[in-house]
């Protein structure tokens, strides 16, 4: 599972801030964070970019 929630909280962002940047809803981002909705790779790239991390960091395969 992606580390969206963990990194988002570390960086001090809200669900609403990510949702606005990605032009989606907070509920959708929450579903991504909780693993109840699969994150398309293009969306994962946008989330990683917004959070200022690599896809590897977002996936938890590399720690910064």
PDB file of N, CA and C in Angstrom:
ATOM      1  N   UNK A   1       0.840  -1.180   0.000  1.00  0.00           N
ATOM      2  CA  UNK A   1       0.000   0.000   0.000  1.00  0.00           C
ATOM      3  C   UNK A   1       0.892   1.253   0.000  1.00  0.00           C
ATOM      4  N   UNK A   2       0.438   2.261  -0.693  1.00  0.00           N
ATOM      5  CA  UNK A   2       1.198   3.507  -0.763  1.00  0.00           C
ATOM      6  C   UNK A   2       1.182   4.225   0.580  1.00  0.00           C
ATOM      7  N   UNK A   3       2.212   4.989   0.826  1.00  0.00           N
ATOM      8  CA  UNK A   3       2.371   5.725   2.081  1.00  0.00           C
ATOM      9  C   UNK A   3       1.815   7.145   1.984  1.00  0.00           C
ATOM     10  N   UNK A   4       0.738   7.327   1.246  1.00  0.00           N
ATOM     11  CA  UNK A   4       0.198   8.665   1.014  1.00  0.00           C
ATOM     12  C   UNK A   4      -0.130   9.358   2.331  1.00  0.00           C
ATOM     13  N   UNK A   5      -0.881   8.700   3.178  1.00  0.00           N
ATOM     14  CA  UNK A   5      -1.327   9.319   4.435  1.00  0.00           C
ATOM     15  C   UNK A   5      -0.135   9.677   5.325  1.00  0.00           C
ATOM     16  N   UNK A   6       0.785   8.738   5.476  1.00  0.00           N
ATOM     17  CA  UNK A   6       1.957   8.956   6.323  1.00  0.00           C
ATOM     18  C   UNK A   6       2.770  10.168   5.840  1.00  0.00           C
ATOM     19  N   UNK A   7       3.055  10.203   4.546  1.00  0.00           N
ATOM     20  CA  UNK A   7       3.863  11.297   4.002  1.00  0.00           C
ATOM     21  C   UNK A   7       3.082  12.608   4.040  1.00  0.00           C
ATOM     22  N   UNK A   8       1.788  12.538   3.720  1.00  0.00           N
ATOM     23  CA  UNK A   8       0.955  13.752   3.754  1.00  0.00           C
ATOM     24  C   UNK A   8       0.997  14.381   5.134  1.00  0.00           C
ATOM     25  N   UNK A   9       0.850  13.561   6.169  1.00  0.00           N
ATOM     26  CA  UNK A   9       0.862  14.092   7.540  1.00  0.00           C
ATOM     27  C   UNK A   9       2.247  14.617   7.928  1.00  0.00           C
ATOM     28  N   UNK A  10       3.305  13.908   7.508  1.00  0.00           N
ATOM     29  CA  UNK A  10       4.675  14.369   7.776  1.00  0.00           C
ATOM     30  C   UNK A  10       4.920  15.744   7.166  1.00  0.00           C
ATOM     31  N   UNK A  11       4.369  15.958   5.974  1.00  0.00           N
ATOM     32  CA  UNK A  11       4.578  17.214   5.251  1.00  0.00           C
ATOM     33  C   UNK A  11       3.584  18.294   5.664  1.00  0.00           C
ATOM     34  N   UNK A  12       2.567  17.937   6.455  1.00  0.00           N
ATOM     35  CA  UNK A  12       1.612  18.914   6.956  1.00  0.00           C
ATOM     36  C   UNK A  12       0.499  19.291   5.980  1.00  0.00           C
ATOM     37  N   UNK A  13       0.206  18.414   5.037  1.00  0.00           N
ATOM     38  CA  UNK A  13      -0.861  18.687   4.074  1.00  0.00           C
ATOM     39  C   UNK A  13      -2.171  18.057   4.528  1.00  0.00           C
ATOM     40  N   UNK A  14      -3.274  18.639   4.093  1.00  0.00           N
ATOM     41  CA  UNK A  14      -4.595  18.077   4.362  1.00  0.00           C
ATOM     42  C   UNK A  14      -5.071  17.294   3.141  1.00  0.00           C
ATOM     43  N   UNK A  15      -6.084  16.478   3.376  1.00  0.00           N
ATOM     44  CA  UNK A  15      -6.713  15.770   2.259  1.00  0.00           C
ATOM     45  C   UNK A  15      -7.212  16.773   1.224  1.00  0.00           C
ATOM     46  N   UNK A  16      -7.814  17.849   1.708  1.00  0.00           N
ATOM     47  CA  UNK A  16      -8.381  18.861   0.817  1.00  0.00           C
ATOM     48  C   UNK A  16      -7.321  19.491  -0.072  1.00  0.00           C
ATOM     49  N   UNK A  17      -6.131  19.724   0.461  1.00  0.00           N
ATOM     50  CA  UNK A  17      -5.065  20.341  -0.329  1.00  0.00           C
ATOM     51  C   UNK A  17      -4.616  19.428  -1.472  1.00  0.00           C
ATOM     52  N   UNK A  18      -4.469  18.144  -1.179  1.00  0.00           N
ATOM     53  CA  UNK A  18      -4.086  17.214  -2.237  1.00  0.00           C
ATOM     54  C   UNK A  18      -5.215  17.082  -3.245  1.00  0.00           C
ATOM     55  N   UNK A  19      -6.431  16.957  -2.747  1.00  0.00           N
ATOM     56  CA  UNK A  19      -7.588  16.817  -3.636  1.00  0.00           C
ATOM     57  C   UNK A  19      -7.707  18.008  -4.573  1.00  0.00           C
ATOM     58  N   UNK A  20      -7.522  19.202  -4.049  1.00  0.00           N
ATOM     59  CA  UNK A  20      -7.615  20.400  -4.885  1.00  0.00           C
ATOM     60  C   UNK A  20      -6.531  20.405  -5.951  1.00  0.00           C
ATOM     61  N   UNK A  21      -5.319  20.040  -5.573  1.00  0.00           N
ATOM     62  CA  UNK A  21      -4.209  20.022  -6.525  1.00  0.00           C
ATOM     63  C   UNK A  21      -4.434  18.988  -7.631  1.00  0.00           C
ATOM     64  N   UNK A  22      -5.089  17.884  -7.293  1.00  0.00           N
ATOM     65  CA  UNK A  22      -5.330  16.822  -8.266  1.00  0.00           C
ATOM     66  C   UNK A  22      -6.695  16.932  -8.930  1.00  0.00           C
ATOM     67  N   UNK A  23      -7.430  17.978  -8.552  1.00  0.00           N
ATOM     68  CA  UNK A  23      -8.770  18.203  -9.121  1.00  0.00           C
ATOM     69  C   UNK A  23      -9.686  16.995  -8.906  1.00  0.00           C
ATOM     70  N   UNK A  24      -9.717  16.539  -7.646  1.00  0.00           N
ATOM     71  CA  UNK A  24     -10.584  15.431  -7.254  1.00  0.00           C
ATOM     72  C   UNK A  24     -11.182  15.758  -5.897  1.00  0.00           C
ATOM     73  N   UNK A  25     -11.752  14.780  -5.229  1.00  0.00           N
ATOM     74  CA  UNK A  25     -12.374  15.033  -3.928  1.00  0.00           C
ATOM     75  C   UNK A  25     -11.517  14.495  -2.791  1.00  0.00           C
ATOM     76  N   UNK A  26     -11.761  15.026  -1.612  1.00  0.00           N
ATOM     77  CA  UNK A  26     -11.075  14.528  -0.419  1.00  0.00           C
ATOM     78  C   UNK A  26     -11.424  13.066  -0.183  1.00  0.00           C
ATOM     79  N   UNK A  27     -12.667  12.697  -0.488  1.00  0.00           N
ATOM     80  CA  UNK A  27     -13.097  11.304  -0.302  1.00  0.00           C
ATOM     81  C   UNK A  27     -12.274  10.360  -1.176  1.00  0.00           C
ATOM     82  N   UNK A  28     -11.986  10.772  -2.388  1.00  0.00           N
ATOM     83  CA  UNK A  28     -11.182   9.936  -3.287  1.00  0.00           C
ATOM     84  C   UNK A  28      -9.772   9.760  -2.733  1.00  0.00           C
ATOM     85  N   UNK A  29      -9.168  10.854  -2.282  1.00  0.00           N
ATOM     86  CA  UNK A  29      -7.820  10.763  -1.703  1.00  0.00           C
ATOM     87  C   UNK A  29      -7.843   9.873  -0.466  1.00  0.00           C
ATOM     88  N   UNK A  30      -8.864  10.001   0.354  1.00  0.00           N
ATOM     89  CA  UNK A  30      -9.003   9.164   1.542  1.00  0.00           C
ATOM     90  C   UNK A  30      -9.087   7.690   1.166  1.00  0.00           C
ATOM     91  N   UNK A  31      -9.818   7.382   0.119  1.00  0.00           N
ATOM     92  CA  UNK A  31      -9.912   5.988  -0.347  1.00  0.00           C
ATOM     93  C   UNK A  31      -8.555   5.473  -0.827  1.00  0.00           C
ATOM     94  N   UNK A  32      -7.802   6.333  -1.500  1.00  0.00           N
ATOM     95  CA  UNK A  32      -6.448   5.944  -1.903  1.00  0.00           C
ATOM     96  C   UNK A  32      -5.602   5.648  -0.668  1.00  0.00           C
ATOM     97  N   UNK A  33      -5.681   6.526   0.321  1.00  0.00           N
ATOM     98  CA  UNK A  33      -4.884   6.356   1.544  1.00  0.00           C
ATOM     99  C   UNK A  33      -5.237   5.078   2.291  1.00  0.00           C
ATOM    100  N   UNK A  34      -6.510   4.745   2.317  1.00  0.00           N
ATOM    101  CA  UNK A  34      -6.973   3.577   3.074  1.00  0.00           C
ATOM    102  C   UNK A  34      -6.935   2.283   2.276  1.00  0.00           C
ATOM    103  N   UNK A  35      -6.571   2.388   1.001  1.00  0.00           N
ATOM    104  CA  UNK A  35      -6.461   1.197   0.176  1.00  0.00           C
ATOM    105  C   UNK A  35      -7.788   0.640  -0.308  1.00  0.00           C
ATOM    106  N   UNK A  36      -8.855   1.405  -0.157  1.00  0.00           N
ATOM    107  CA  UNK A  36     -10.156   0.925  -0.626  1.00  0.00           C
ATOM    108  C   UNK A  36     -10.395   1.266  -2.089  1.00  0.00           C
ATOM    109  N   UNK A  37      -9.485   2.016  -2.663  1.00  0.00           N
ATOM    110  CA  UNK A  37      -9.551   2.340  -4.088  1.00  0.00           C
ATOM    111  C   UNK A  37      -8.139   2.290  -4.649  1.00  0.00           C
ATOM    112  N   UNK A  38      -7.990   1.609  -5.760  1.00  0.00           N
ATOM    113  CA  UNK A  38      -6.682   1.477  -6.403  1.00  0.00           C
ATOM    114  C   UNK A  38      -6.260   2.816  -7.001  1.00  0.00           C
ATOM    115  N   UNK A  39      -4.994   3.162  -6.806  1.00  0.00           N
ATOM    116  CA  UNK A  39      -4.461   4.426  -7.312  1.00  0.00           C
ATOM    117  C   UNK A  39      -3.870   4.198  -8.702  1.00  0.00           C
ATOM    118  N   UNK A  40      -4.426   4.837  -9.726  1.00  0.00           N
ATOM    119  CA  UNK A  40      -3.810   4.725 -11.061  1.00  0.00           C
ATOM    120  C   UNK A  40      -2.381   5.272 -11.023  1.00  0.00           C
ATOM    121  N   UNK A  41      -1.508   4.696 -11.817  1.00  0.00           N
ATOM    122  CA  UNK A  41      -0.100   5.104 -11.805  1.00  0.00           C
ATOM    123  C   UNK A  41       0.063   6.589 -12.126  1.00  0.00           C
ATOM    124  N   UNK A  42      -0.740   7.106 -13.031  1.00  0.00           N
ATOM    125  CA  UNK A  42      -0.631   8.536 -13.366  1.00  0.00           C
ATOM    126  C   UNK A  42      -0.995   9.397 -12.156  1.00  0.00           C
ATOM    127  N   UNK A  43      -1.976   8.944 -11.383  1.00  0.00           N
ATOM    128  CA  UNK A  43      -2.377   9.672 -10.177  1.00  0.00           C
ATOM    129  C   UNK A  43      -1.307   9.541  -9.106  1.00  0.00           C
ATOM    130  N   UNK A  44      -0.726   8.367  -8.972  1.00  0.00           N
ATOM    131  CA  UNK A  44       0.352   8.165  -7.999  1.00  0.00           C
ATOM    132  C   UNK A  44       1.520   9.092  -8.308  1.00  0.00           C
ATOM    133  N   UNK A  45       1.820   9.268  -9.590  1.00  0.00           N
ATOM    134  CA  UNK A  45       2.893  10.192  -9.997  1.00  0.00           C
ATOM    135  C   UNK A  45       2.554  11.621  -9.586  1.00  0.00           C
ATOM    136  N   UNK A  46       1.312  12.024  -9.778  1.00  0.00           N
ATOM    137  CA  UNK A  46       0.881  13.378  -9.404  1.00  0.00           C
ATOM    138  C   UNK A  46       0.933  13.570  -7.900  1.00  0.00           C
ATOM    139  N   UNK A  47       0.521  12.554  -7.153  1.00  0.00           N
ATOM    140  CA  UNK A  47       0.562  12.648  -5.687  1.00  0.00           C
ATOM    141  C   UNK A  47       2.007  12.755  -5.216  1.00  0.00           C
ATOM    142  N   UNK A  48       2.880  11.918  -5.761  1.00  0.00           N
ATOM    143  CA  UNK A  48       4.300  11.962  -5.386  1.00  0.00           C
ATOM    144  C   UNK A  48       4.892  13.333  -5.692  1.00  0.00           C
ATOM    145  N   UNK A  49       4.566  13.859  -6.854  1.00  0.00           N
ATOM    146  CA  UNK A  49       5.064  15.184  -7.241  1.00  0.00           C
ATOM    147  C   UNK A  49       4.563  16.245  -6.269  1.00  0.00           C
ATOM    148  N   UNK A  50       3.280  16.208  -5.951  1.00  0.00           N
ATOM    149  CA  UNK A  50       2.703  17.183  -5.019  1.00  0.00           C
ATOM    150  C   UNK A  50       3.389  17.101  -3.657  1.00  0.00           C
ATOM    151  N   UNK A  51       3.640  15.888  -3.190  1.00  0.00           N
ATOM    152  CA  UNK A  51       4.256  15.696  -1.870  1.00  0.00           C
ATOM    153  C   UNK A  51       5.766  15.889  -1.885  1.00  0.00           C
ATOM    154  N   UNK A  52       6.347  16.002  -3.069  1.00  0.00           N
ATOM    155  CA  UNK A  52       7.793  16.218  -3.172  1.00  0.00           C
ATOM    156  C   UNK A  52       8.615  14.983  -2.864  1.00  0.00           C
ATOM    157  N   UNK A  53       8.083  13.821  -3.243  1.00  0.00           N
ATOM    158  CA  UNK A  53       8.802  12.570  -3.025  1.00  0.00           C
ATOM    159  C   UNK A  53       8.834  11.782  -4.333  1.00  0.00           C
ATOM    160  N   UNK A  54       9.652  10.752  -4.350  1.00  0.00           N
ATOM    161  CA  UNK A  54       9.703   9.875  -5.518  1.00  0.00           C
ATOM    162  C   UNK A  54       8.605   8.819  -5.403  1.00  0.00           C
ATOM    163  N   UNK A  55       8.344   8.144  -6.511  1.00  0.00           N
ATOM    164  CA  UNK A  55       7.381   7.026  -6.463  1.00  0.00           C
ATOM    165  C   UNK A  55       7.877   5.924  -5.532  1.00  0.00           C
ATOM    166  N   UNK A  56       9.178   5.690  -5.516  1.00  0.00           N
ATOM    167  CA  UNK A  56       9.740   4.684  -4.613  1.00  0.00           C
ATOM    168  C   UNK A  56       9.469   5.042  -3.157  1.00  0.00           C
ATOM    169  N   UNK A  57       9.637   6.315  -2.819  1.00  0.00           N
ATOM    170  CA  UNK A  57       9.352   6.759  -1.449  1.00  0.00           C
ATOM    171  C   UNK A  57       7.854   6.625  -1.134  1.00  0.00           C
ATOM    172  N   UNK A  58       7.031   6.981  -2.081  1.00  0.00           N
ATOM    173  CA  UNK A  58       5.593   6.878  -1.888  1.00  0.00           C
ATOM    174  C   UNK A  58       5.178   5.427  -1.701  1.00  0.00           C
ATOM    175  N   UNK A  59       5.830   4.533  -2.426  1.00  0.00           N
ATOM    176  CA  UNK A  59       5.514   3.100  -2.335  1.00  0.00           C
ATOM    177  C   UNK A  59       6.150   2.444  -1.114  1.00  0.00           C
ATOM    178  N   UNK A  60       7.060   3.163  -0.468  1.00  0.00           N
ATOM    179  CA  UNK A  60       7.706   2.606   0.720  1.00  0.00           C
ATOM    180  C   UNK A  60       8.871   1.703   0.420  1.00  0.00           C
ATOM    181  N   UNK A  61       9.339   1.715  -0.829  1.00  0.00           N
ATOM    182  CA  UNK A  61      10.470   0.867  -1.184  1.00  0.00           C
ATOM    183  C   UNK A  61      11.808   1.529  -0.875  1.00  0.00           C
ATOM    184  N   UNK A  62      11.775   2.847  -0.646  1.00  0.00           N
ATOM    185  CA  UNK A  62      12.971   3.617  -0.323  1.00  0.00           C
ATOM    186  C   UNK A  62      12.579   4.648   0.729  1.00  0.00           C
ATOM    187  N   UNK A  63      13.403   4.798   1.730  1.00  0.00           N
ATOM    188  CA  UNK A  63      13.167   5.844   2.740  1.00  0.00           C
ATOM    189  C   UNK A  63      14.098   7.006   2.441  1.00  0.00           C
ATOM    190  N   UNK A  64      13.575   8.243   2.630  1.00  0.00           N
ATOM    191  CA  UNK A  64      14.416   9.420   2.352  1.00  0.00           C
ATOM    192  C   UNK A  64      15.338   9.715   3.493  1.00  0.00           C
TER     193      UNK A  64
END
